[in-house]
Every structure is written in C-alpha cells, then in structure tokens.
Amino acid sequence: MVDVNKCYVIIIIIMLLILIVLLVCARLLPGLPRRDHVGPALKALHWLPVVYRIKFKVALMMFTVHTRRCPDYLTDSVQACNSAE
C-alpha cells in the first residue's frame, strides 16, 4: 500500500522544483540581476503562479475529454459523475 504522506511530500517537492525553474526563467528572460524582485517580471511575462497553472492544465484536460478532442485512452479513463448522487 502506498503511503499518502509520502505521495504528498513528493508532490510538494515537484511543485517546489517547478517553482524554482519558473523563477529562474523569469529572471533570465528579461535579464534581471540576482537581487532584483521577480514579481514585476512575472507580471510582465503574463505567467500564472504554479498552483493556478496546475489547475488550468487539469481544467483544460477535462474540457478536452468532455468535448472528445483528446486520445481515446483519456476518454476511457475518465468517468462522468452526477452531483445529485
């Protein structure tokens, strides 16, 4: 059996690594010095924060599954549910 706490820690580590890569890229693209704030650069690049980016990707995937614009293995792996149940 998979320990839920270990899975949670792995997800947090992966999200932190994605955040680090995002911040490094936001510094490199406009050529910011190391000590400058990265917030204005993120706003100028119109990048979403990591949590919202993940939510957007999941919502986009579910939309493509719902509209059948994705491979068959994705539509086969997702089942519709009713909120009334």
Protein backbone atom coordinates (compact mmCIF):
# COMPACT_ATOMS: atom_id res chain seq x y z
CA MET A 1 0.00 0.00 0.00
CA VAL A 2 1.24 3.48 -0.89
CA ASP A 3 1.70 5.85 2.00
CA VAL A 4 -0.33 9.02 1.40
CA ASN A 5 2.14 11.20 3.30
CA LYS A 6 5.00 10.11 1.04
CA CYS A 7 2.92 10.92 -2.05
CA TYR A 8 2.07 14.33 -0.59
CA VAL A 9 5.74 15.07 0.09
CA ILE A 10 6.71 14.03 -3.44
CA ILE A 11 4.03 16.33 -4.91
CA ILE A 12 5.24 19.24 -2.77
CA ILE A 13 8.85 18.65 -3.84
CA ILE A 14 7.87 18.53 -7.51
CA MET A 15 5.86 21.76 -7.16
CA LEU A 16 8.82 23.47 -5.49
CA LEU A 17 11.14 22.36 -8.28
CA ILE A 18 8.70 23.70 -10.88
CA LEU A 19 8.54 26.98 -8.97
CA ILE A 20 12.33 27.26 -8.88
CA VAL A 21 12.56 26.68 -12.63
CA LEU A 22 9.79 29.23 -13.23
CA LEU A 23 11.55 31.88 -11.14
CA VAL A 24 14.94 31.24 -12.77
CA CYS A 25 13.39 31.55 -16.23
CA ALA A 26 11.61 34.74 -15.20
CA ARG A 27 14.99 36.19 -14.20
CA LEU A 28 16.84 35.02 -17.28
CA LEU A 29 14.42 36.15 -19.97
CA PRO A 30 14.37 39.87 -19.14
CA GLY A 31 17.98 39.77 -17.86
CA LEU A 32 17.28 40.69 -14.23
CA PRO A 33 20.14 40.85 -11.73
CA ARG A 34 20.12 38.28 -8.93
CA ARG A 35 18.99 40.72 -6.22
CA ASP A 36 16.05 42.24 -8.12
CA HIS A 37 12.48 41.24 -7.37
CA VAL A 38 11.00 38.75 -9.83
CA GLY A 39 7.34 39.72 -9.26
CA PRO A 40 7.19 42.53 -11.83
CA ALA A 41 8.92 40.30 -14.38
CA LEU A 42 6.32 37.56 -13.82
CA LYS A 43 3.53 40.10 -14.34
CA ALA A 44 5.19 41.46 -17.49
CA LEU A 45 5.55 37.92 -18.87
CA HIS A 46 1.87 37.15 -18.03
CA TRP A 47 2.82 33.86 -16.34
CA LEU A 48 0.46 32.11 -13.95
CA PRO A 49 1.63 31.02 -10.49
CA VAL A 50 2.38 27.30 -10.25
CA VAL A 51 -0.81 26.35 -8.37
CA TYR A 52 -3.03 28.17 -10.87
CA ARG A 53 -1.06 26.73 -13.78
CA ILE A 54 -1.74 23.19 -12.50
CA LYS A 55 -5.44 23.97 -12.01
CA PHE A 56 -5.60 25.41 -15.53
CA LYS A 57 -3.93 22.34 -17.05
CA VAL A 58 -6.33 19.98 -15.25
CA ALA A 59 -9.35 22.05 -16.29
CA LEU A 60 -8.11 22.15 -19.89
CA MET A 61 -7.59 18.39 -19.91
CA MET A 62 -11.09 17.79 -18.54
CA PHE A 63 -12.53 20.13 -21.17
CA THR A 64 -10.79 18.21 -23.96
CA VAL A 65 -12.06 14.93 -22.51
CA HIS A 66 -15.61 16.31 -22.25
CA THR A 67 -15.57 17.58 -25.86
CA ARG A 68 -13.86 14.38 -27.11
CA ARG A 69 -10.88 16.27 -28.55
CA CYS A 70 -8.34 14.01 -26.89
CA PRO A 71 -6.98 10.49 -27.40
CA ASP A 72 -9.29 7.57 -26.67
CA TYR A 73 -7.24 6.35 -23.70
CA LEU A 74 -8.05 9.58 -21.86
CA THR A 75 -11.77 9.44 -22.54
CA ASP A 76 -11.81 5.78 -21.49
CA SER A 77 -10.06 6.53 -18.20
CA VAL A 78 -12.47 9.29 -17.11
CA GLN A 79 -15.99 8.57 -15.90
CA ALA A 80 -18.74 11.15 -15.67
CA CYS A 81 -20.39 11.65 -12.30
CA ASN A 82 -23.62 13.31 -11.24
CA SER A 83 -23.54 15.80 -8.41
CA ALA A 84 -27.05 14.68 -7.39
CA GLU A 85 -25.86 11.26 -6.24
